[in-house]
Amino acid sequence: MLQIRRDLVDAMVAHARRDHPDEACGVIAGPEGSDRPERFIPMLNAARSPTFYEFDSADLLKLYRDMDANDEVPVVIYHSHTATEAYPSRTDVSYASEPDAHYVLVSTRDANEHELRSYRIVDGVITEEPVEVVESYRFAHTGPDDIPEPSAL
């Protein structure tokens, strides 16, 4: 399951709407080992296409160096679909190279609504997962030893 703050969802949707009719793309980084999206990083769609997205290779290298320097990983990799449902295309699956990332798709095909769905994509297999949108994260969980006992909640 992807648990994500509402402000991050709003930022992804706003980016997708702003770049429409081209696909928008970006990353939400989080602390290494946490599976907690924290830092919103909108990227430029180098393809500037309504049916395809591509990260600029120089921007992507800079992003990964920046995340490494901050002990972060790409928790969410997102992009939009402008004319179809929020489901990964064959191309999306072929580009999915982060097995621990949540691949979030935002469909902007309807001008009045958006569709947001999350997937795990590992070895070409697409698995949809539930998305829980929260106002804030309950506690900072950075690993299995940080889980409080139920009585402490």
Foldseek 3Di string as FASTA:
>chain_A
DQEAAPVLVVVQVVQQLVLPLAKWWFFFKDAPQQLYGDRTGTADQPVSHNADGDGDPVVVVVVVVVCVVVNIDGQEIEMEHEQDAFDDDQVNLVPPDDQNHWYWYWYCVDVVDIDIWTWGRDPNDTDTDDYHYDNDDPDRDRHPVPDDDPVVD
